[in-house]
PDB file of N, CA and C in Angstrom:
ATOM      1  N   UNK A   1     -40.003  -1.701  16.801  1.00  0.00           N
ATOM      2  CA  UNK A   1     -40.805  -2.704  17.429  1.00  0.00           C
ATOM      3  C   UNK A   1     -42.126  -2.035  17.876  1.00  0.00           C
ATOM      4  N   UNK A   2     -43.130  -2.338  17.188  1.00  0.00           N
ATOM      5  CA  UNK A   2     -44.425  -1.716  17.381  1.00  0.00           C
ATOM      6  C   UNK A   2     -44.872  -1.933  18.824  1.00  0.00           C
ATOM      7  N   UNK A   3     -45.269  -0.805  19.457  1.00  0.00           N
ATOM      8  CA  UNK A   3     -45.833  -0.865  20.823  1.00  0.00           C
ATOM      9  C   UNK A   3     -44.830  -0.945  21.949  1.00  0.00           C
ATOM     10  N   UNK A   4     -43.522  -0.929  21.672  1.00  0.00           N
ATOM     11  CA  UNK A   4     -42.559  -0.984  22.735  1.00  0.00           C
ATOM     12  C   UNK A   4     -42.651   0.149  23.730  1.00  0.00           C
ATOM     13  N   UNK A   5     -43.305   1.229  23.259  1.00  0.00           N
ATOM     14  CA  UNK A   5     -43.416   2.440  24.156  1.00  0.00           C
ATOM     15  C   UNK A   5     -44.629   2.293  25.079  1.00  0.00           C
ATOM     16  N   UNK A   6     -45.563   1.384  24.812  1.00  0.00           N
ATOM     17  CA  UNK A   6     -46.802   1.282  25.627  1.00  0.00           C
ATOM     18  C   UNK A   6     -47.065  -0.115  26.218  1.00  0.00           C
ATOM     19  N   UNK A   7     -46.425  -1.076  25.693  1.00  0.00           N
ATOM     20  CA  UNK A   7     -46.688  -2.456  26.109  1.00  0.00           C
ATOM     21  C   UNK A   7     -45.530  -2.971  27.015  1.00  0.00           C
ATOM     22  N   UNK A   8     -45.756  -3.206  28.286  1.00  0.00           N
ATOM     23  CA  UNK A   8     -44.645  -3.618  29.201  1.00  0.00           C
ATOM     24  C   UNK A   8     -43.994  -4.935  28.798  1.00  0.00           C
ATOM     25  N   UNK A   9     -44.748  -5.800  28.172  1.00  0.00           N
ATOM     26  CA  UNK A   9     -44.197  -7.089  27.753  1.00  0.00           C
ATOM     27  C   UNK A   9     -43.174  -6.863  26.563  1.00  0.00           C
ATOM     28  N   UNK A  10     -43.557  -6.025  25.613  1.00  0.00           N
ATOM     29  CA  UNK A  10     -42.684  -5.682  24.544  1.00  0.00           C
ATOM     30  C   UNK A  10     -41.441  -4.975  25.035  1.00  0.00           C
ATOM     31  N   UNK A  11     -41.621  -4.087  25.973  1.00  0.00           N
ATOM     32  CA  UNK A  11     -40.475  -3.373  26.550  1.00  0.00           C
ATOM     33  C   UNK A  11     -39.526  -4.342  27.226  1.00  0.00           C
ATOM     34  N   UNK A  12     -40.080  -5.252  28.001  1.00  0.00           N
ATOM     35  CA  UNK A  12     -39.204  -6.296  28.674  1.00  0.00           C
ATOM     36  C   UNK A  12     -38.481  -7.145  27.656  1.00  0.00           C
ATOM     37  N   UNK A  13     -39.168  -7.492  26.576  1.00  0.00           N
ATOM     38  CA  UNK A  13     -38.514  -8.268  25.504  1.00  0.00           C
ATOM     39  C   UNK A  13     -37.431  -7.477  24.901  1.00  0.00           C
ATOM     40  N   UNK A  14     -37.562  -6.154  24.676  1.00  0.00           N
ATOM     41  CA  UNK A  14     -36.548  -5.307  24.102  1.00  0.00           C
ATOM     42  C   UNK A  14     -35.351  -5.264  25.010  1.00  0.00           C
ATOM     43  N   UNK A  15     -35.629  -5.132  26.370  1.00  0.00           N
ATOM     44  CA  UNK A  15     -34.544  -5.121  27.328  1.00  0.00           C
ATOM     45  C   UNK A  15     -33.692  -6.450  27.228  1.00  0.00           C
ATOM     46  N   UNK A  16     -34.441  -7.572  27.159  1.00  0.00           N
ATOM     47  CA  UNK A  16     -33.762  -8.864  27.054  1.00  0.00           C
ATOM     48  C   UNK A  16     -32.927  -8.958  25.792  1.00  0.00           C
ATOM     49  N   UNK A  17     -33.426  -8.497  24.693  1.00  0.00           N
ATOM     50  CA  UNK A  17     -32.690  -8.525  23.386  1.00  0.00           C
ATOM     51  C   UNK A  17     -31.455  -7.686  23.479  1.00  0.00           C
ATOM     52  N   UNK A  18     -31.553  -6.499  24.088  1.00  0.00           N
ATOM     53  CA  UNK A  18     -30.348  -5.639  24.247  1.00  0.00           C
ATOM     54  C   UNK A  18     -29.316  -6.369  25.060  1.00  0.00           C
ATOM     55  N   UNK A  19     -29.688  -6.973  26.154  1.00  0.00           N
ATOM     56  CA  UNK A  19     -28.678  -7.739  27.020  1.00  0.00           C
ATOM     57  C   UNK A  19     -28.100  -8.913  26.210  1.00  0.00           C
ATOM     58  N   UNK A  20     -28.932  -9.605  25.494  1.00  0.00           N
ATOM     59  CA  UNK A  20     -28.442 -10.728  24.714  1.00  0.00           C
ATOM     60  C   UNK A  20     -27.452 -10.299  23.683  1.00  0.00           C
ATOM     61  N   UNK A  21     -27.741  -9.252  22.961  1.00  0.00           N
ATOM     62  CA  UNK A  21     -26.836  -8.684  21.920  1.00  0.00           C
ATOM     63  C   UNK A  21     -25.483  -8.272  22.585  1.00  0.00           C
ATOM     64  N   UNK A  22     -25.589  -7.575  23.718  1.00  0.00           N
ATOM     65  CA  UNK A  22     -24.363  -7.150  24.416  1.00  0.00           C
ATOM     66  C   UNK A  22     -23.545  -8.320  24.846  1.00  0.00           C
ATOM     67  N   UNK A  23     -24.073  -9.379  25.325  1.00  0.00           N
ATOM     68  CA  UNK A  23     -23.360 -10.572  25.691  1.00  0.00           C
ATOM     69  C   UNK A  23     -22.658 -11.240  24.526  1.00  0.00           C
ATOM     70  N   UNK A  24     -23.308 -11.185  23.319  1.00  0.00           N
ATOM     71  CA  UNK A  24     -22.737 -11.733  22.131  1.00  0.00           C
ATOM     72  C   UNK A  24     -21.756 -10.810  21.422  1.00  0.00           C
ATOM     73  N   UNK A  25     -21.785  -9.533  21.798  1.00  0.00           N
ATOM     74  CA  UNK A  25     -21.011  -8.555  21.122  1.00  0.00           C
ATOM     75  C   UNK A  25     -21.505  -8.234  19.708  1.00  0.00           C
ATOM     76  N   UNK A  26     -22.879  -8.405  19.547  1.00  0.00           N
ATOM     77  CA  UNK A  26     -23.533  -8.237  18.246  1.00  0.00           C
ATOM     78  C   UNK A  26     -24.224  -6.867  18.243  1.00  0.00           C
ATOM     79  N   UNK A  27     -24.394  -6.402  17.008  1.00  0.00           N
ATOM     80  CA  UNK A  27     -25.100  -5.185  16.776  1.00  0.00           C
ATOM     81  C   UNK A  27     -26.590  -5.477  16.772  1.00  0.00           C
ATOM     82  N   UNK A  28     -27.381  -4.706  17.511  1.00  0.00           N
ATOM     83  CA  UNK A  28     -28.829  -4.919  17.617  1.00  0.00           C
ATOM     84  C   UNK A  28     -29.481  -3.814  16.747  1.00  0.00           C
ATOM     85  N   UNK A  29     -30.390  -4.182  15.914  1.00  0.00           N
ATOM     86  CA  UNK A  29     -31.165  -3.263  15.070  1.00  0.00           C
ATOM     87  C   UNK A  29     -32.676  -3.407  15.453  1.00  0.00           C
ATOM     88  N   UNK A  30     -33.230  -2.384  15.960  1.00  0.00           N
ATOM     89  CA  UNK A  30     -34.639  -2.407  16.306  1.00  0.00           C
ATOM     90  C   UNK A  30     -35.452  -2.133  15.007  1.00  0.00           C
ATOM     91  N   UNK A  31     -36.256  -3.047  14.612  1.00  0.00           N
ATOM     92  CA  UNK A  31     -37.041  -2.922  13.331  1.00  0.00           C
ATOM     93  C   UNK A  31     -38.488  -2.494  13.657  1.00  0.00           C
ATOM     94  N   UNK A  32     -39.091  -1.895  12.664  1.00  0.00           N
ATOM     95  CA  UNK A  32     -40.507  -1.491  12.834  1.00  0.00           C
ATOM     96  C   UNK A  32     -40.808  -0.220  13.644  1.00  0.00           C
ATOM     97  N   UNK A  33     -39.874   0.691  13.683  1.00  0.00           N
ATOM     98  CA  UNK A  33     -40.018   1.879  14.428  1.00  0.00           C
ATOM     99  C   UNK A  33     -40.869   2.870  13.546  1.00  0.00           C
ATOM    100  N   UNK A  34     -42.026   3.109  14.088  1.00  0.00           N
ATOM    101  CA  UNK A  34     -42.978   3.947  13.298  1.00  0.00           C
ATOM    102  C   UNK A  34     -43.442   5.283  13.970  1.00  0.00           C
ATOM    103  N   UNK A  35     -43.121   5.387  15.279  1.00  0.00           N
ATOM    104  CA  UNK A  35     -43.457   6.626  15.947  1.00  0.00           C
ATOM    105  C   UNK A  35     -42.302   7.207  16.752  1.00  0.00           C
ATOM    106  N   UNK A  36     -42.357   8.461  17.033  1.00  0.00           N
ATOM    107  CA  UNK A  36     -41.296   9.096  17.893  1.00  0.00           C
ATOM    108  C   UNK A  36     -41.217   8.445  19.202  1.00  0.00           C
ATOM    109  N   UNK A  37     -42.377   8.032  19.837  1.00  0.00           N
ATOM    110  CA  UNK A  37     -42.402   7.450  21.140  1.00  0.00           C
ATOM    111  C   UNK A  37     -41.691   6.066  21.090  1.00  0.00           C
ATOM    112  N   UNK A  38     -41.850   5.306  20.026  1.00  0.00           N
ATOM    113  CA  UNK A  38     -41.168   4.045  19.900  1.00  0.00           C
ATOM    114  C   UNK A  38     -39.687   4.309  19.796  1.00  0.00           C
ATOM    115  N   UNK A  39     -39.288   5.268  19.006  1.00  0.00           N
ATOM    116  CA  UNK A  39     -37.871   5.604  18.877  1.00  0.00           C
ATOM    117  C   UNK A  39     -37.245   5.981  20.165  1.00  0.00           C
ATOM    118  N   UNK A  40     -37.999   6.765  20.920  1.00  0.00           N
ATOM    119  CA  UNK A  40     -37.520   7.180  22.294  1.00  0.00           C
ATOM    120  C   UNK A  40     -37.343   5.984  23.215  1.00  0.00           C
ATOM    121  N   UNK A  41     -38.325   5.073  23.182  1.00  0.00           N
ATOM    122  CA  UNK A  41     -38.308   3.872  24.011  1.00  0.00           C
ATOM    123  C   UNK A  41     -37.108   3.004  23.729  1.00  0.00           C
ATOM    124  N   UNK A  42     -36.794   2.742  22.470  1.00  0.00           N
ATOM    125  CA  UNK A  42     -35.651   1.881  22.133  1.00  0.00           C
ATOM    126  C   UNK A  42     -34.338   2.624  22.411  1.00  0.00           C
ATOM    127  N   UNK A  43     -34.348   3.938  22.294  1.00  0.00           N
ATOM    128  CA  UNK A  43     -33.128   4.665  22.628  1.00  0.00           C
ATOM    129  C   UNK A  43     -32.813   4.617  24.120  1.00  0.00           C
ATOM    130  N   UNK A  44     -33.840   4.665  24.967  1.00  0.00           N
ATOM    131  CA  UNK A  44     -33.612   4.542  26.423  1.00  0.00           C
ATOM    132  C   UNK A  44     -33.113   3.134  26.807  1.00  0.00           C
ATOM    133  N   UNK A  45     -33.357   2.149  25.943  1.00  0.00           N
ATOM    134  CA  UNK A  45     -32.867   0.786  26.173  1.00  0.00           C
ATOM    135  C   UNK A  45     -31.375   0.672  25.713  1.00  0.00           C
ATOM    136  N   UNK A  46     -30.907   1.698  25.036  1.00  0.00           N
ATOM    137  CA  UNK A  46     -29.535   1.672  24.549  1.00  0.00           C
ATOM    138  C   UNK A  46     -29.328   1.150  23.100  1.00  0.00           C
ATOM    139  N   UNK A  47     -30.454   0.996  22.421  1.00  0.00           N
ATOM    140  CA  UNK A  47     -30.387   0.603  21.004  1.00  0.00           C
ATOM    141  C   UNK A  47     -29.908   1.791  20.184  1.00  0.00           C
ATOM    142  N   UNK A  48     -28.857   1.604  19.346  1.00  0.00           N
ATOM    143  CA  UNK A  48     -28.351   2.702  18.546  1.00  0.00           C
ATOM    144  C   UNK A  48     -28.583   2.560  17.057  1.00  0.00           C
ATOM    145  N   UNK A  49     -29.221   1.439  16.649  1.00  0.00           N
ATOM    146  CA  UNK A  49     -29.517   1.260  15.223  1.00  0.00           C
ATOM    147  C   UNK A  49     -30.988   0.879  15.073  1.00  0.00           C
ATOM    148  N   UNK A  50     -31.719   1.603  14.282  1.00  0.00           N
ATOM    149  CA  UNK A  50     -33.130   1.351  14.127  1.00  0.00           C
ATOM    150  C   UNK A  50     -33.505   1.437  12.622  1.00  0.00           C
ATOM    151  N   UNK A  51     -34.638   0.891  12.310  1.00  0.00           N
ATOM    152  CA  UNK A  51     -35.216   1.058  10.938  1.00  0.00           C
ATOM    153  C   UNK A  51     -36.693   1.040  11.102  1.00  0.00           C
ATOM    154  N   UNK A  52     -37.380   1.671  10.165  1.00  0.00           N
ATOM    155  CA  UNK A  52     -38.754   1.690  10.203  1.00  0.00           C
ATOM    156  C   UNK A  52     -39.343   2.861   9.408  1.00  0.00           C
ATOM    157  N   UNK A  53     -40.663   2.881   9.228  1.00  0.00           N
ATOM    158  CA  UNK A  53     -41.320   3.938   8.464  1.00  0.00           C
ATOM    159  C   UNK A  53     -41.098   5.314   8.997  1.00  0.00           C
ATOM    160  N   UNK A  54     -40.836   5.464  10.316  1.00  0.00           N
ATOM    161  CA  UNK A  54     -40.581   6.769  10.815  1.00  0.00           C
ATOM    162  C   UNK A  54     -39.410   7.394  10.225  1.00  0.00           C
ATOM    163  N   UNK A  55     -38.359   6.604   9.881  1.00  0.00           N
ATOM    164  CA  UNK A  55     -37.140   7.137   9.330  1.00  0.00           C
ATOM    165  C   UNK A  55     -37.151   7.217   7.825  1.00  0.00           C
ATOM    166  N   UNK A  56     -37.720   6.246   7.186  1.00  0.00           N
ATOM    167  CA  UNK A  56     -37.708   6.211   5.709  1.00  0.00           C
ATOM    168  C   UNK A  56     -38.616   5.081   5.194  1.00  0.00           C
ATOM    169  N   UNK A  57     -39.033   5.157   4.012  1.00  0.00           N
ATOM    170  CA  UNK A  57     -39.766   4.033   3.380  1.00  0.00           C
ATOM    171  C   UNK A  57     -38.795   2.986   2.921  1.00  0.00           C
ATOM    172  N   UNK A  58     -39.246   1.732   2.762  1.00  0.00           N
ATOM    173  CA  UNK A  58     -38.365   0.692   2.219  1.00  0.00           C
ATOM    174  C   UNK A  58     -37.788   1.042   0.837  1.00  0.00           C
ATOM    175  N   UNK A  59     -36.500   0.584   0.666  1.00  0.00           N
ATOM    176  CA  UNK A  59     -35.903   0.837  -0.624  1.00  0.00           C
ATOM    177  C   UNK A  59     -35.287  -0.517  -1.062  1.00  0.00           C
ATOM    178  N   UNK A  60     -34.926  -0.550  -2.276  1.00  0.00           N
ATOM    179  CA  UNK A  60     -34.209  -1.785  -2.730  1.00  0.00           C
ATOM    180  C   UNK A  60     -32.751  -1.690  -2.404  1.00  0.00           C
ATOM    181  N   UNK A  61     -32.081  -2.744  -2.437  1.00  0.00           N
ATOM    182  CA  UNK A  61     -30.650  -2.742  -2.111  1.00  0.00           C
ATOM    183  C   UNK A  61     -29.913  -1.818  -3.134  1.00  0.00           C
ATOM    184  N   UNK A  62     -30.296  -1.819  -4.404  1.00  0.00           N
ATOM    185  CA  UNK A  62     -29.649  -1.019  -5.415  1.00  0.00           C
ATOM    186  C   UNK A  62     -29.819   0.482  -5.048  1.00  0.00           C
ATOM    187  N   UNK A  63     -31.057   0.832  -4.543  1.00  0.00           N
ATOM    188  CA  UNK A  63     -31.250   2.244  -4.143  1.00  0.00           C
ATOM    189  C   UNK A  63     -30.401   2.583  -2.955  1.00  0.00           C
ATOM    190  N   UNK A  64     -30.190   1.614  -2.028  1.00  0.00           N
ATOM    191  CA  UNK A  64     -29.344   1.900  -0.901  1.00  0.00           C
ATOM    192  C   UNK A  64     -27.950   2.189  -1.319  1.00  0.00           C
ATOM    193  N   UNK A  65     -27.424   1.263  -2.214  1.00  0.00           N
ATOM    194  CA  UNK A  65     -25.974   1.506  -2.630  1.00  0.00           C
ATOM    195  C   UNK A  65     -25.873   2.863  -3.317  1.00  0.00           C
ATOM    196  N   UNK A  66     -26.869   3.255  -4.139  1.00  0.00           N
ATOM    197  CA  UNK A  66     -26.758   4.608  -4.788  1.00  0.00           C
ATOM    198  C   UNK A  66     -26.828   5.714  -3.770  1.00  0.00           C
ATOM    199  N   UNK A  67     -27.749   5.600  -2.780  1.00  0.00           N
ATOM    200  CA  UNK A  67     -27.810   6.589  -1.711  1.00  0.00           C
ATOM    201  C   UNK A  67     -26.563   6.747  -0.954  1.00  0.00           C
ATOM    202  N   UNK A  68     -25.885   5.628  -0.589  1.00  0.00           N
ATOM    203  CA  UNK A  68     -24.678   5.697   0.181  1.00  0.00           C
ATOM    204  C   UNK A  68     -23.419   5.961  -0.725  1.00  0.00           C
ATOM    205  N   UNK A  69     -23.681   6.094  -2.013  1.00  0.00           N
ATOM    206  CA  UNK A  69     -22.543   6.376  -2.946  1.00  0.00           C
ATOM    207  C   UNK A  69     -21.455   5.272  -2.851  1.00  0.00           C
ATOM    208  N   UNK A  70     -21.944   3.996  -2.825  1.00  0.00           N
ATOM    209  CA  UNK A  70     -21.006   2.851  -2.813  1.00  0.00           C
ATOM    210  C   UNK A  70     -21.179   2.080  -4.103  1.00  0.00           C
ATOM    211  N   UNK A  71     -20.110   1.377  -4.533  1.00  0.00           N
ATOM    212  CA  UNK A  71     -20.300   0.581  -5.742  1.00  0.00           C
ATOM    213  C   UNK A  71     -21.372  -0.545  -5.556  1.00  0.00           C
ATOM    214  N   UNK A  72     -22.205  -0.661  -6.549  1.00  0.00           N
ATOM    215  CA  UNK A  72     -23.253  -1.698  -6.473  1.00  0.00           C
ATOM    216  C   UNK A  72     -22.598  -3.077  -6.757  1.00  0.00           C
ATOM    217  N   UNK A  73     -22.729  -4.005  -5.792  1.00  0.00           N
ATOM    218  CA  UNK A  73     -22.066  -5.305  -5.956  1.00  0.00           C
ATOM    219  C   UNK A  73     -22.568  -6.084  -7.139  1.00  0.00           C
ATOM    220  N   UNK A  74     -23.805  -5.839  -7.576  1.00  0.00           N
ATOM    221  CA  UNK A  74     -24.317  -6.586  -8.741  1.00  0.00           C
ATOM    222  C   UNK A  74     -23.662  -6.149  -9.988  1.00  0.00           C
ATOM    223  N   UNK A  75     -23.009  -4.936  -9.975  1.00  0.00           N
ATOM    224  CA  UNK A  75     -22.287  -4.466 -11.195  1.00  0.00           C
ATOM    225  C   UNK A  75     -20.814  -4.731 -11.091  1.00  0.00           C
ATOM    226  N   UNK A  76     -20.317  -4.912  -9.828  1.00  0.00           N
ATOM    227  CA  UNK A  76     -18.839  -5.147  -9.703  1.00  0.00           C
ATOM    228  C   UNK A  76     -18.583  -6.645  -9.537  1.00  0.00           C
ATOM    229  N   UNK A  77     -19.626  -7.426  -9.286  1.00  0.00           N
ATOM    230  CA  UNK A  77     -19.373  -8.890  -9.150  1.00  0.00           C
ATOM    231  C   UNK A  77     -18.920  -9.340  -7.735  1.00  0.00           C
ATOM    232  N   UNK A  78     -18.856  -8.398  -6.814  1.00  0.00           N
ATOM    233  CA  UNK A  78     -18.530  -8.764  -5.467  1.00  0.00           C
ATOM    234  C   UNK A  78     -19.343  -7.850  -4.428  1.00  0.00           C
ATOM    235  N   UNK A  79     -19.520  -8.406  -3.275  1.00  0.00           N
ATOM    236  CA  UNK A  79     -20.210  -7.674  -2.263  1.00  0.00           C
ATOM    237  C   UNK A  79     -19.161  -6.948  -1.388  1.00  0.00           C
ATOM    238  N   UNK A  80     -19.167  -5.682  -1.425  1.00  0.00           N
ATOM    239  CA  UNK A  80     -18.094  -4.895  -0.726  1.00  0.00           C
ATOM    240  C   UNK A  80     -18.500  -4.544   0.710  1.00  0.00           C
ATOM    241  N   UNK A  81     -19.688  -4.966   1.133  1.00  0.00           N
ATOM    242  CA  UNK A  81     -20.094  -4.607   2.491  1.00  0.00           C
ATOM    243  C   UNK A  81     -19.379  -5.481   3.481  1.00  0.00           C
ATOM    244  N   UNK A  82     -19.003  -4.839   4.610  1.00  0.00           N
ATOM    245  CA  UNK A  82     -18.274  -5.634   5.629  1.00  0.00           C
ATOM    246  C   UNK A  82     -19.203  -6.569   6.332  1.00  0.00           C
ATOM    247  N   UNK A  83     -18.745  -7.672   6.819  1.00  0.00           N
ATOM    248  CA  UNK A  83     -19.543  -8.566   7.612  1.00  0.00           C
ATOM    249  C   UNK A  83     -19.910  -7.911   8.982  1.00  0.00           C
ATOM    250  N   UNK A  84     -21.170  -8.005   9.362  1.00  0.00           N
ATOM    251  CA  UNK A  84     -21.548  -7.383  10.583  1.00  0.00           C
ATOM    252  C   UNK A  84     -22.417  -8.406  11.287  1.00  0.00           C
ATOM    253  N   UNK A  85     -22.089  -8.675  12.582  1.00  0.00           N
ATOM    254  CA  UNK A  85     -22.857  -9.544  13.381  1.00  0.00           C
ATOM    255  C   UNK A  85     -24.112  -8.735  13.816  1.00  0.00           C
ATOM    256  N   UNK A  86     -25.320  -9.237  13.597  1.00  0.00           N
ATOM    257  CA  UNK A  86     -26.473  -8.476  13.936  1.00  0.00           C
ATOM    258  C   UNK A  86     -27.639  -9.393  14.351  1.00  0.00           C
ATOM    259  N   UNK A  87     -28.474  -8.909  15.142  1.00  0.00           N
ATOM    260  CA  UNK A  87     -29.706  -9.639  15.557  1.00  0.00           C
ATOM    261  C   UNK A  87     -30.877  -8.702  15.195  1.00  0.00           C
ATOM    262  N   UNK A  88     -31.874  -9.277  14.497  1.00  0.00           N
ATOM    263  CA  UNK A  88     -33.047  -8.507  14.220  1.00  0.00           C
ATOM    264  C   UNK A  88     -34.192  -9.001  15.049  1.00  0.00           C
ATOM    265  N   UNK A  89     -34.964  -8.068  15.616  1.00  0.00           N
ATOM    266  CA  UNK A  89     -36.159  -8.463  16.316  1.00  0.00           C
ATOM    267  C   UNK A  89     -37.302  -7.645  15.945  1.00  0.00           C
TER     268      UNK A  89
END
């Protein structure tokens, strides 16, 4: 979440989303993490799953399956990924 480390409004929004996800029992993924300071800010909020340019460039789903050494569902005819409740912000 761009600017969560410097913008009090974005930080407050992040806190609210963490609380909301906890109440629902959902996994929260902080998207758009591009700096180490943003990563540190979401970590202090208790977010344990993030994505963004800081960690890696976007990939296709097929590249992800190959990277994780999992069967590609487009080749097996079924999606083997487990259902995960998640909220993206």
